C-alpha atoms as a PDB file:
ATOM      1  CA  MET A   1     -31.099 -13.961   6.027  1.00  0.00           C
ATOM      2  CA  THR A   2     -33.599 -15.587   3.554  1.00  0.00           C
ATOM      3  CA  ALA A   3     -33.223 -18.207   1.396  1.00  0.00           C
ATOM      4  CA  LYS A   4     -33.468 -16.078  -1.637  1.00  0.00           C
ATOM      5  CA  LYS A   5     -31.040 -13.454  -0.459  1.00  0.00           C
ATOM      6  CA  ARG A   6     -28.485 -16.515   0.418  1.00  0.00           C
ATOM      7  CA  TRP A   7     -28.778 -17.795  -3.390  1.00  0.00           C
ATOM      8  CA  ASN A   8     -27.987 -14.443  -4.650  1.00  0.00           C
ATOM      9  CA  VAL A   9     -24.828 -14.192  -2.448  1.00  0.00           C
ATOM     10  CA  LYS A  10     -24.014 -17.677  -3.390  1.00  0.00           C
ATOM     11  CA  LYS A  11     -24.523 -16.630  -7.205  1.00  0.00           C
ATOM     12  CA  TRP A  12     -22.329 -13.418  -7.008  1.00  0.00           C
ATOM     13  CA  GLU A  13     -19.691 -15.446  -5.575  1.00  0.00           C
ATOM     14  CA  LEU A  14     -19.761 -17.897  -8.408  1.00  0.00           C
ATOM     15  CA  ILE A  15     -19.895 -15.314 -10.968  1.00  0.00           C
ATOM     16  CA  LYS A  16     -17.186 -13.419  -9.137  1.00  0.00           C
ATOM     17  CA  ASN A  17     -14.580 -16.505  -8.983  1.00  0.00           C
ATOM     18  CA  TRP A  18     -15.407 -17.833 -12.318  1.00  0.00           C
ATOM     19  CA  PRO A  19     -11.592 -17.446 -13.400  1.00  0.00           C
ATOM     20  CA  TYR A  20     -10.970 -19.867 -10.724  1.00  0.00           C
ATOM     21  CA  TYR A  21     -13.159 -22.408 -11.618  1.00  0.00           C
ATOM     22  CA  VAL A  22     -12.085 -22.192 -15.402  1.00  0.00           C
ATOM     23  CA  MET A  23      -8.237 -22.486 -14.372  1.00  0.00           C
ATOM     24  CA  ILE A  24      -9.315 -25.817 -12.400  1.00  0.00           C
ATOM     25  CA  LEU A  25     -11.565 -27.062 -15.247  1.00  0.00           C
ATOM     26  CA  PRO A  26      -8.800 -29.112 -17.097  1.00  0.00           C
ATOM     27  CA  VAL A  27      -7.645 -30.818 -13.724  1.00  0.00           C
ATOM     28  CA  ILE A  28     -11.238 -31.976 -13.399  1.00  0.00           C
ATOM     29  CA  VAL A  29     -11.424 -33.157 -16.884  1.00  0.00           C
ATOM     30  CA  LEU A  30      -8.140 -35.084 -16.986  1.00  0.00           C
ATOM     31  CA  PHE A  31      -8.838 -36.584 -13.459  1.00  0.00           C
ATOM     32  CA  PHE A  32     -12.171 -37.743 -14.525  1.00  0.00           C
ATOM     33  CA  VAL A  33     -10.828 -39.204 -17.859  1.00  0.00           C
ATOM     34  CA  PHE A  34      -7.909 -41.212 -16.265  1.00  0.00           C
ATOM     35  CA  ALA A  35      -9.512 -41.914 -12.788  1.00  0.00           C
ATOM     36  CA  TYR A  36     -12.976 -42.148 -13.114  1.00  0.00           C
ATOM     37  CA  LEU A  37     -13.749 -43.131 -16.775  1.00  0.00           C
ATOM     38  CA  PRO A  38     -11.885 -46.310 -16.417  1.00  0.00           C
ATOM     39  CA  ILE A  39     -13.661 -47.764 -13.294  1.00  0.00           C
ATOM     40  CA  PRO A  40     -16.171 -49.665 -15.205  1.00  0.00           C
ATOM     41  CA  GLY A  41     -13.066 -51.707 -16.595  1.00  0.00           C
ATOM     42  CA  VAL A  42     -12.710 -53.379 -13.014  1.00  0.00           C
ATOM     43  CA  ILE A  43     -15.535 -55.893 -14.221  1.00  0.00           C
ATOM     44  CA  LEU A  44     -12.363 -57.264 -16.449  1.00  0.00           C
ATOM     45  CA  ALA A  45     -11.120 -59.079 -13.162  1.00  0.00           C
ATOM     46  CA  PHE A  46     -14.126 -61.504 -13.078  1.00  0.00           C
ATOM     47  CA  LYS A  47     -14.196 -62.154 -16.694  1.00  0.00           C
ATOM     48  CA  SER A  48     -11.867 -64.228 -19.337  1.00  0.00           C
ATOM     49  CA  TYR A  49     -11.175 -61.356 -21.753  1.00  0.00           C
ATOM     50  CA  THR A  50     -11.366 -62.067 -25.360  1.00  0.00           C
ATOM     51  CA  ILE A  51     -10.645 -59.792 -28.190  1.00  0.00           C
ATOM     52  CA  ASP A  52     -13.831 -60.414 -29.951  1.00  0.00           C
ATOM     53  CA  GLY A  53     -15.889 -60.051 -26.696  1.00  0.00           C
ATOM     54  CA  GLY A  54     -14.232 -56.925 -25.540  1.00  0.00           C
ATOM     55  CA  ILE A  55     -14.535 -55.785 -21.791  1.00  0.00           C
ATOM     56  CA  PHE A  56     -18.303 -56.295 -21.566  1.00  0.00           C
ATOM     57  CA  GLY A  57     -18.986 -59.132 -23.822  1.00  0.00           C
ATOM     58  CA  SER A  58     -16.157 -61.725 -22.628  1.00  0.00           C
ATOM     59  CA  PRO A  59     -17.628 -64.528 -20.529  1.00  0.00           C
ATOM     60  CA  TRP A  60     -17.963 -64.161 -16.839  1.00  0.00           C
ATOM     61  CA  VAL A  61     -15.297 -66.453 -14.595  1.00  0.00           C
ATOM     62  CA  GLY A  62     -16.112 -64.952 -11.287  1.00  0.00           C
ATOM     63  CA  LEU A  63     -13.282 -65.437  -8.683  1.00  0.00           C
ATOM     64  CA  ALA A  64     -11.303 -67.620 -11.081  1.00  0.00           C
ATOM     65  CA  ASN A  65      -8.562 -64.911 -11.674  1.00  0.00           C
ATOM     66  CA  PHE A  66      -8.058 -64.471  -8.063  1.00  0.00           C
ATOM     67  CA  LYS A  67      -7.774 -67.835  -7.269  1.00  0.00           C
ATOM     68  CA  MET A  68      -5.295 -68.343  -9.765  1.00  0.00           C
ATOM     69  CA  PHE A  69      -3.016 -65.670  -8.341  1.00  0.00           C
ATOM     70  CA  PHE A  70      -3.587 -66.351  -4.839  1.00  0.00           C
ATOM     71  CA  LEU A  71      -2.780 -69.973  -5.046  1.00  0.00           C
ATOM     72  CA  GLY A  72       0.332 -69.454  -7.098  1.00  0.00           C
ATOM     73  CA  THR A  73       3.855 -68.955  -5.938  1.00  0.00           C
ATOM     74  CA  ALA A  74       4.040 -65.281  -7.156  1.00  0.00           C
ATOM     75  CA  PHE A  75       1.249 -63.852  -4.662  1.00  0.00           C
ATOM     76  CA  LEU A  76       3.803 -64.174  -1.513  1.00  0.00           C
ATOM     77  CA  ARG A  77       6.630 -63.212  -3.231  1.00  0.00           C
ATOM     78  CA  THR A  78       5.491 -60.085  -5.073  1.00  0.00           C
ATOM     79  CA  THR A  79       3.643 -59.028  -2.010  1.00  0.00           C
ATOM     80  CA  ARG A  80       6.459 -59.404   0.281  1.00  0.00           C
ATOM     81  CA  ASN A  81       8.876 -57.588  -1.851  1.00  0.00           C
ATOM     82  CA  VAL A  82       6.955 -54.577  -2.566  1.00  0.00           C
ATOM     83  CA  VAL A  83       5.845 -54.275   0.986  1.00  0.00           C
ATOM     84  CA  LEU A  84       9.690 -54.763   2.239  1.00  0.00           C
ATOM     85  CA  ILE A  85      11.023 -52.447  -0.322  1.00  0.00           C
ATOM     86  CA  ASN A  86       8.497 -49.578   0.172  1.00  0.00           C
ATOM     87  CA  THR A  87       8.754 -50.027   3.884  1.00  0.00           C
ATOM     88  CA  ALA A  88      12.679 -49.815   3.891  1.00  0.00           C
ATOM     89  CA  ASN A  89      11.999 -46.601   1.568  1.00  0.00           C
ATOM     90  CA  ILE A  90       9.525 -44.892   3.798  1.00  0.00           C
ATOM     91  CA  PHE A  91      11.496 -45.586   7.145  1.00  0.00           C
ATOM     92  CA  PHE A  92      15.175 -44.545   5.772  1.00  0.00           C
ATOM     93  CA  GLY A  93      13.824 -42.170   3.035  1.00  0.00           C
ATOM     94  CA  MET A  94      11.965 -40.086   5.378  1.00  0.00           C
ATOM     95  CA  THR A  95      14.656 -40.107   8.250  1.00  0.00           C
ATOM     96  CA  CYS A  96      17.299 -39.001   5.824  1.00  0.00           C
ATOM     97  CA  SER A  97      15.294 -36.274   4.158  1.00  0.00           C
ATOM     98  CA  ILE A  98      14.624 -34.912   7.690  1.00  0.00           C
ATOM     99  CA  ALA A  99      17.967 -35.064   8.966  1.00  0.00           C
ATOM    100  CA  CYS A 100      19.315 -33.336   5.687  1.00  0.00           C
ATOM    101  CA  ALA A 101      16.560 -30.513   5.678  1.00  0.00           C
ATOM    102  CA  LEU A 102      17.458 -29.929   9.489  1.00  0.00           C
ATOM    103  CA  LEU A 103      21.072 -29.925   8.664  1.00  0.00           C
ATOM    104  CA  ILE A 104      20.774 -27.626   5.583  1.00  0.00           C
ATOM    105  CA  ASN A 105      18.572 -25.149   7.555  1.00  0.00           C
ATOM    106  CA  GLN A 106      21.095 -25.129  10.126  1.00  0.00           C
ATOM    107  CA  LEU A 107      23.605 -23.248   7.542  1.00  0.00           C
ATOM    108  CA  PHE A 108      23.987 -19.568   8.210  1.00  0.00           C
ATOM    109  CA  SER A 109      24.736 -18.723   4.615  1.00  0.00           C
ATOM    110  CA  GLY A 110      21.935 -18.657   2.084  1.00  0.00           C
ATOM    111  CA  LYS A 111      24.335 -19.226  -0.679  1.00  0.00           C
ATOM    112  CA  MET A 112      25.537 -22.470   0.823  1.00  0.00           C
ATOM    113  CA  GLN A 113      21.843 -23.619   1.516  1.00  0.00           C
ATOM    114  CA  LYS A 114      21.029 -23.214  -2.282  1.00  0.00           C
ATOM    115  CA  ILE A 115      24.228 -25.134  -3.301  1.00  0.00           C
ATOM    116  CA  TYR A 116      23.421 -28.122  -1.231  1.00  0.00           C
ATOM    117  CA  GLN A 117      19.839 -28.013  -2.174  1.00  0.00           C
ATOM    118  CA  ASN A 118      20.822 -28.082  -5.820  1.00  0.00           C
ATOM    119  CA  ILE A 119      23.372 -30.869  -5.424  1.00  0.00           C
ATOM    120  CA  LEU A 120      20.735 -32.899  -3.543  1.00  0.00           C
ATOM    121  CA  PHE A 121      18.079 -32.221  -5.994  1.00  0.00           C
ATOM    122  CA  LEU A 122      19.799 -33.041  -9.260  1.00  0.00           C
ATOM    123  CA  PRO A 123      19.247 -36.742  -8.885  1.00  0.00           C
ATOM    124  CA  THR A 124      15.371 -36.250  -8.997  1.00  0.00           C
ATOM    125  CA  PHE A 125      15.910 -35.198 -12.683  1.00  0.00           C
ATOM    126  CA  PHE A 126      17.313 -38.569 -13.672  1.00  0.00           C
ATOM    127  CA  SER A 127      15.445 -41.185 -15.273  1.00  0.00           C
ATOM    128  CA  ALA A 128      14.990 -44.630 -13.720  1.00  0.00           C
ATOM    129  CA  LEU A 129      17.003 -46.130 -16.459  1.00  0.00           C
ATOM    130  CA  LEU A 130      19.728 -43.464 -15.971  1.00  0.00           C
ATOM    131  CA  VAL A 131      20.029 -44.511 -12.355  1.00  0.00           C
ATOM    132  CA  ALA A 132      20.150 -48.126 -12.968  1.00  0.00           C
ATOM    133  CA  LYS A 133      22.880 -47.652 -15.647  1.00  0.00           C
ATOM    134  CA  PHE A 134      24.920 -45.589 -13.096  1.00  0.00           C
ATOM    135  CA  PHE A 135      24.623 -48.127 -10.465  1.00  0.00           C
ATOM    136  CA  ASN A 136      25.307 -50.799 -13.225  1.00  0.00           C
ATOM    137  CA  LEU A 137      28.546 -48.840 -13.866  1.00  0.00           C
ATOM    138  CA  MET A 138      29.392 -49.098 -10.110  1.00  0.00           C
ATOM    139  CA  LEU A 139      28.533 -52.860  -9.524  1.00  0.00           C
ATOM    140  CA  SER A 140      29.250 -54.551 -12.871  1.00  0.00           C
ATOM    141  CA  ASN A 141      30.923 -57.905 -11.994  1.00  0.00           C
ATOM    142  CA  ASP A 142      33.987 -57.586 -14.134  1.00  0.00           C
ATOM    143  CA  LYS A 143      34.471 -53.680 -14.953  1.00  0.00           C
ATOM    144  CA  GLY A 144      32.517 -52.316 -12.077  1.00  0.00           C
ATOM    145  CA  LEU A 145      33.979 -49.339  -9.995  1.00  0.00           C
ATOM    146  CA  ILE A 146      33.714 -51.141  -6.511  1.00  0.00           C
ATOM    147  CA  ASN A 147      35.310 -54.288  -7.912  1.00  0.00           C
ATOM    148  CA  VAL A 148      37.961 -52.600  -9.493  1.00  0.00           C
ATOM    149  CA  PHE A 149      38.626 -50.862  -6.302  1.00  0.00           C
ATOM    150  CA  LEU A 150      38.443 -54.195  -4.310  1.00  0.00           C
ATOM    151  CA  GLN A 151      40.853 -55.708  -6.816  1.00  0.00           C
ATOM    152  CA  SER A 152      43.311 -53.046  -6.447  1.00  0.00           C
ATOM    153  CA  ILE A 153      43.732 -53.371  -2.994  1.00  0.00           C
ATOM    154  CA  GLY A 154      43.971 -57.202  -3.042  1.00  0.00           C
ATOM    155  CA  LEU A 155      40.523 -58.310  -2.257  1.00  0.00           C
ATOM    156  CA  ASP A 156      37.985 -60.560  -4.190  1.00  0.00           C
ATOM    157  CA  PRO A 157      35.486 -58.947  -6.513  1.00  0.00           C
ATOM    158  CA  VAL A 158      31.833 -59.394  -5.494  1.00  0.00           C
ATOM    159  CA  MET A 159      29.622 -61.090  -8.021  1.00  0.00           C
ATOM    160  CA  TRP A 160      26.681 -58.403  -7.314  1.00  0.00           C
ATOM    161  CA  TYR A 161      24.129 -59.857 -10.171  1.00  0.00           C
ATOM    162  CA  ASN A 162      24.688 -63.525  -9.082  1.00  0.00           C
ATOM    163  CA  ASN A 163      23.423 -62.812  -5.501  1.00  0.00           C
ATOM    164  CA  SER A 164      19.936 -61.528  -4.909  1.00  0.00           C
ATOM    165  CA  ILE A 165      20.703 -60.864  -1.246  1.00  0.00           C
ATOM    166  CA  TYR A 166      22.453 -57.643  -2.110  1.00  0.00           C
ATOM    167  CA  TRP A 167      19.732 -56.016  -4.003  1.00  0.00           C
ATOM    168  CA  ILE A 168      17.041 -54.936  -1.579  1.00  0.00           C
ATOM    169  CA  PRO A 169      19.614 -52.579  -0.029  1.00  0.00           C
ATOM    170  CA  ILE A 170      21.000 -51.371  -3.288  1.00  0.00           C
ATOM    171  CA  VAL A 171      17.500 -50.430  -4.671  1.00  0.00           C
ATOM    172  CA  VAL A 172      16.438 -48.775  -1.316  1.00  0.00           C
ATOM    173  CA  ILE A 173      19.719 -46.685  -1.519  1.00  0.00           C
ATOM    174  CA  ALA A 174      19.218 -45.934  -5.103  1.00  0.00           C
ATOM    175  CA  GLY A 175      15.601 -44.865  -4.423  1.00  0.00           C
ATOM    176  CA  ILE A 176      16.587 -42.712  -1.568  1.00  0.00           C
ATOM    177  CA  TRP A 177      19.179 -41.049  -3.483  1.00  0.00           C
ATOM    178  CA  LYS A 178      17.166 -40.289  -6.278  1.00  0.00           C
ATOM    179  CA  GLY A 179      14.036 -38.788  -4.308  1.00  0.00           C
ATOM    180  CA  LEU A 180      15.877 -37.015  -1.413  1.00  0.00           C
ATOM    181  CA  GLY A 181      16.338 -33.668  -2.935  1.00  0.00           C
ATOM    182  CA  TYR A 182      12.573 -33.441  -3.719  1.00  0.00           C
ATOM    183  CA  ASN A 183      11.708 -34.583   0.083  1.00  0.00           C
ATOM    184  CA  ILE A 184      14.001 -32.116   1.332  1.00  0.00           C
ATOM    185  CA  ILE A 185      12.572 -29.236  -0.235  1.00  0.00           C
ATOM    186  CA  VAL A 186       9.059 -30.447   0.982  1.00  0.00           C
ATOM    187  CA  TYR A 187      10.463 -30.237   4.646  1.00  0.00           C
ATOM    188  CA  LEU A 188      12.523 -27.228   4.260  1.00  0.00           C
ATOM    189  CA  ALA A 189       9.362 -25.312   2.916  1.00  0.00           C
ATOM    190  CA  SER A 190       7.691 -26.441   6.281  1.00  0.00           C
ATOM    191  CA  ILE A 191      10.351 -25.168   8.432  1.00  0.00           C
ATOM    192  CA  SER A 192      10.549 -21.770   6.566  1.00  0.00           C
ATOM    193  CA  GLY A 193       6.726 -21.200   7.852  1.00  0.00           C
ATOM    194  CA  ILE A 194       7.655 -21.602  11.460  1.00  0.00           C
ATOM    195  CA  ASP A 195       7.604 -18.256  13.024  1.00  0.00           C
ATOM    196  CA  GLU A 196      11.186 -16.863  13.720  1.00  0.00           C
ATOM    197  CA  GLU A 197       9.989 -15.307  17.221  1.00  0.00           C
ATOM    198  CA  ILE A 198       9.490 -18.852  18.654  1.00  0.00           C
ATOM    199  CA  TYR A 199      13.353 -19.336  17.947  1.00  0.00           C
ATOM    200  CA  GLU A 200      14.216 -15.882  19.110  1.00  0.00           C
ATOM    201  CA  ALA A 201      12.230 -16.553  22.641  1.00  0.00           C
ATOM    202  CA  ALA A 202      13.712 -20.091  22.838  1.00  0.00           C
ATOM    203  CA  LYS A 203      17.340 -18.294  22.498  1.00  0.00           C
ATOM    204  CA  LEU A 204      16.286 -15.887  25.173  1.00  0.00           C
ATOM    205  CA  ASP A 205      15.668 -18.918  27.494  1.00  0.00           C
ATOM    206  CA  GLY A 206      19.141 -20.116  26.801  1.00  0.00           C
ATOM    207  CA  ALA A 207      17.861 -22.927  24.372  1.00  0.00           C
ATOM    208  CA  GLY A 208      20.771 -24.134  22.171  1.00  0.00           C
ATOM    209  CA  ARG A 209      20.671 -24.948  18.508  1.00  0.00           C
ATOM    210  CA  VAL A 210      20.082 -28.788  19.112  1.00  0.00           C
ATOM    211  CA  LYS A 211      17.399 -27.877  21.697  1.00  0.00           C
ATOM    212  CA  GLN A 212      15.632 -25.788  19.057  1.00  0.00           C
ATOM    213  CA  VAL A 213      15.689 -28.639  16.744  1.00  0.00           C
ATOM    214  CA  PHE A 214      13.904 -30.985  18.923  1.00  0.00           C
ATOM    215  CA  HIS A 215      11.690 -29.036  20.911  1.00  0.00           C
ATOM    216  CA  ILE A 216      10.372 -26.396  18.285  1.00  0.00           C
ATOM    217  CA  THR A 217      11.364 -27.529  14.663  1.00  0.00           C
ATOM    218  CA  LEU A 218      10.351 -31.304  14.637  1.00  0.00           C
ATOM    219  CA  PRO A 219       7.378 -30.885  16.806  1.00  0.00           C
ATOM    220  CA  LEU A 220       5.835 -28.283  14.430  1.00  0.00           C
ATOM    221  CA  LEU A 221       7.200 -30.521  11.540  1.00  0.00           C
ATOM    222  CA  ARG A 222       5.098 -33.153  12.870  1.00  0.00           C
ATOM    223  CA  PRO A 223       1.741 -32.485  10.927  1.00  0.00           C
ATOM    224  CA  THR A 224       3.849 -32.385   7.716  1.00  0.00           C
ATOM    225  CA  ILE A 225       5.578 -35.611   8.524  1.00  0.00           C
ATOM    226  CA  ILE A 226       2.306 -37.415   9.088  1.00  0.00           C
ATOM    227  CA  MET A 227       0.832 -36.339   6.261  1.00  0.00           C
ATOM    228  CA  LEU A 228       3.604 -37.541   4.012  1.00  0.00           C
ATOM    229  CA  LEU A 229       3.886 -40.953   6.047  1.00  0.00           C
ATOM    230  CA  LEU A 230      -0.044 -41.366   5.281  1.00  0.00           C
ATOM    231  CA  LEU A 231       0.388 -40.671   1.606  1.00  0.00           C
ATOM    232  CA  SER A 232       3.464 -43.226   1.606  1.00  0.00           C
ATOM    233  CA  ILE A 233       1.752 -45.812   3.519  1.00  0.00           C
ATOM    234  CA  GLY A 234      -1.471 -45.496   0.840  1.00  0.00           C
ATOM    235  CA  ARG A 235       0.949 -46.588  -1.632  1.00  0.00           C
ATOM    236  CA  ILE A 236       3.034 -49.224   0.116  1.00  0.00           C
ATOM    237  CA  PHE A 237       1.458 -52.028  -2.255  1.00  0.00           C
ATOM    238  CA  TYR A 238       2.566 -49.874  -5.270  1.00  0.00           C
ATOM    239  CA  GLY A 239       6.064 -50.294  -6.521  1.00  0.00           C
ATOM    240  CA  ASP A 240       7.910 -48.054  -9.064  1.00  0.00           C
ATOM    241  CA  PHE A 241       7.724 -50.478 -11.955  1.00  0.00           C
ATOM    242  CA  LEU A 242      10.171 -48.587 -14.094  1.00  0.00           C
ATOM    243  CA  PHE A 243      12.597 -48.118 -11.314  1.00  0.00           C
ATOM    244  CA  ILE A 244      12.565 -51.574 -10.427  1.00  0.00           C
ATOM    245  CA  TYR A 245      12.506 -53.338 -14.000  1.00  0.00           C
ATOM    246  CA  ALA A 246      15.370 -51.118 -14.850  1.00  0.00           C
ATOM    247  CA  PHE A 247      17.369 -52.952 -12.325  1.00  0.00           C
ATOM    248  CA  VAL A 248      15.756 -56.455 -12.565  1.00  0.00           C
ATOM    249  CA  GLY A 249      15.084 -56.851 -16.419  1.00  0.00           C
ATOM    250  CA  ASP A 250      15.146 -60.307 -17.377  1.00  0.00           C
ATOM    251  CA  ASN A 251      17.508 -61.403 -14.468  1.00  0.00           C
ATOM    252  CA  TYR A 252      15.665 -64.309 -12.875  1.00  0.00           C
ATOM    253  CA  VAL A 253      18.132 -64.280  -9.935  1.00  0.00           C
ATOM    254  CA  LEU A 254      16.999 -60.709  -8.832  1.00  0.00           C
ATOM    255  CA  GLN A 255      13.406 -61.637  -9.611  1.00  0.00           C
ATOM    256  CA  GLU A 256      13.192 -63.532  -6.355  1.00  0.00           C
ATOM    257  CA  THR A 257      14.171 -60.453  -4.291  1.00  0.00           C
ATOM    258  CA  LEU A 258      13.120 -57.407  -6.525  1.00  0.00           C
ATOM    259  CA  ASP A 259       9.943 -59.233  -8.554  1.00  0.00           C
ATOM    260  CA  ILE A 260       7.127 -56.643  -7.537  1.00  0.00           C
ATOM    261  CA  ILE A 261       3.487 -56.732  -8.370  1.00  0.00           C
ATOM    262  CA  GLU A 262       3.913 -54.327 -11.360  1.00  0.00           C
ATOM    263  CA  THR A 263       6.841 -56.007 -12.834  1.00  0.00           C
ATOM    264  CA  TYR A 264       4.833 -59.495 -12.283  1.00  0.00           C
ATOM    265  CA  LEU A 265       1.733 -57.777 -14.069  1.00  0.00           C
ATOM    266  CA  PHE A 266       3.905 -56.511 -16.979  1.00  0.00           C
ATOM    267  CA  ARG A 267       5.060 -59.859 -17.915  1.00  0.00           C
ATOM    268  CA  GLY A 268       1.590 -61.111 -17.705  1.00  0.00           C
ATOM    269  CA  VAL A 269       0.000 -58.512 -19.892  1.00  0.00           C
ATOM    270  CA  ILE A 270       2.774 -58.988 -22.642  1.00  0.00           C
ATOM    271  CA  GLY A 271       2.323 -62.875 -22.343  1.00  0.00           C
ATOM    272  CA  GLY A 272       5.308 -63.641 -20.006  1.00  0.00           C
ATOM    273  CA  SER A 273       5.874 -67.005 -19.003  1.00  0.00           C
ATOM    274  CA  ASN A 274       5.038 -66.567 -15.123  1.00  0.00           C
ATOM    275  CA  LEU A 275       1.485 -66.257 -16.237  1.00  0.00           C
ATOM    276  CA  SER A 276       0.424 -67.778 -19.577  1.00  0.00           C
ATOM    277  CA  SER A 277       1.737 -67.987 -23.150  1.00  0.00           C
ATOM    278  CA  THR A 278      -0.850 -65.249 -24.402  1.00  0.00           C
ATOM    279  CA  PRO A 279      -1.492 -61.930 -22.410  1.00  0.00           C
ATOM    280  CA  ASP A 280      -4.117 -62.652 -19.586  1.00  0.00           C
ATOM    281  CA  TYR A 281      -5.631 -59.058 -18.925  1.00  0.00           C
ATOM    282  CA  GLY A 282      -8.344 -60.661 -16.795  1.00  0.00           C
ATOM    283  CA  MET A 283      -5.747 -61.980 -14.226  1.00  0.00           C
ATOM    284  CA  SER A 284      -3.761 -58.675 -14.672  1.00  0.00           C
ATOM    285  CA  ALA A 285      -7.106 -56.745 -14.008  1.00  0.00           C
ATOM    286  CA  ALA A 286      -7.659 -59.012 -10.768  1.00  0.00           C
ATOM    287  CA  ILE A 287      -4.193 -58.488  -9.315  1.00  0.00           C
ATOM    288  CA  GLY A 288      -4.496 -54.649  -9.873  1.00  0.00           C
ATOM    289  CA  LEU A 289      -7.768 -54.597  -8.183  1.00  0.00           C
ATOM    290  CA  TYR A 290      -6.392 -56.811  -5.429  1.00  0.00           C
ATOM    291  CA  GLN A 291      -3.582 -54.149  -5.155  1.00  0.00           C
ATOM    292  CA  THR A 292      -5.891 -51.168  -4.813  1.00  0.00           C
ATOM    293  CA  LEU A 293      -8.240 -52.635  -2.242  1.00  0.00           C
ATOM    294  CA  LEU A 294      -5.026 -53.192  -0.101  1.00  0.00           C
ATOM    295  CA  GLY A 295      -3.700 -49.745  -0.338  1.00  0.00           C
ATOM    296  CA  PHE A 296      -7.280 -48.370   0.544  1.00  0.00           C
ATOM    297  CA  LEU A 297      -7.529 -50.585   3.573  1.00  0.00           C
ATOM    298  CA  VAL A 298      -3.972 -49.814   4.748  1.00  0.00           C
ATOM    299  CA  ILE A 299      -4.375 -45.734   4.303  1.00  0.00           C
ATOM    300  CA  PHE A 300      -7.937 -45.939   5.712  1.00  0.00           C
ATOM    301  CA  GLY A 301      -6.772 -47.869   8.799  1.00  0.00           C
ATOM    302  CA  SER A 302      -3.403 -45.768   9.174  1.00  0.00           C
ATOM    303  CA  ASN A 303      -5.719 -42.687   9.135  1.00  0.00           C
ATOM    304  CA  LEU A 304      -7.956 -43.941  11.776  1.00  0.00           C
ATOM    305  CA  ILE A 305      -5.306 -44.683  14.102  1.00  0.00           C
ATOM    306  CA  VAL A 306      -3.641 -41.066  13.566  1.00  0.00           C
ATOM    307  CA  ARG A 307      -7.269 -39.635  14.219  1.00  0.00           C
ATOM    308  CA  LYS A 308      -7.294 -41.402  17.691  1.00  0.00           C
ATOM    309  CA  ILE A 309      -3.699 -40.140  18.454  1.00  0.00           C
ATOM    310  CA  ASP A 310      -3.906 -36.712  17.121  1.00  0.00           C
ATOM    311  CA  LYS A 311      -7.208 -35.714  15.351  1.00  0.00           C
ATOM    312  CA  ASP A 312      -5.686 -32.464  13.789  1.00  0.00           C
ATOM    313  CA  SER A 313      -2.862 -34.474  11.733  1.00  0.00           C
ATOM    314  CA  ALA A 314      -5.348 -36.805  10.038  1.00  0.00           C
ATOM    315  CA  LEU A 315      -6.054 -36.556   6.659  1.00  0.00           C
ATOM    316  CA  PHE A 316      -9.736 -37.147   6.881  1.00  0.00           C
END
């Protein structure tokens, strides 16, 4: 086929598929506006921002913003907390989601499957503030349901909000409970795509339901599990700001355990006492850039490891 004919074929394909390009155009525009257009603002991390100078007219300070963060006490605390919380969320969240999806899939009644899916999916629609309020009603020092129950059986109440050691497990449990239903649906969708003939052949060979799960379902779920794992690892340095802040608020006792990069950034942008008496946009931009670079390195490294183990399961 000559070059002219190939061009005519490509031109015809473009004309034939124009509705699809029109449909995806708003997505491209939104992605460009919110993902690529703000990229020049990264230079703010190397400047001391002033309102008069703006982003491009403010004086350069080099790496001073990074040094201020790395040499401060918040660097290790916030990085440790966000990695610890997200690692626990990834491990326990994926384990619970896969286990629940497998259990629901084993139900013979399609009606019962729908009921369990709806019950587990319901918390996904709850806002972070509502989830935090729900746990507050359970864990309040004086009138919380758990403390009321402990007092009713003659035990001393637990002062949850006066001890930060309890709160990483509490936040992890709350996060898993809120996101469990969505993750279950993802895994159930993957399970439904498995050919039923494979299960029928396994039954003829005498494989029970447990063996089918471990020798058919889980191995065929591996690409989905690896893909979701890589996507989660890529955001291991990003915390759910609204969710964490709804729990922490201005409780300085909990900040030692639950203070993450986003909540620290928030207090810096609005002029919190941890950074300065006035908003420090340059330092906040520097912290955000540090967070982005770490996330990129982690997901790139994780994908490289996956490519060496199983090339077909890698993202790129």
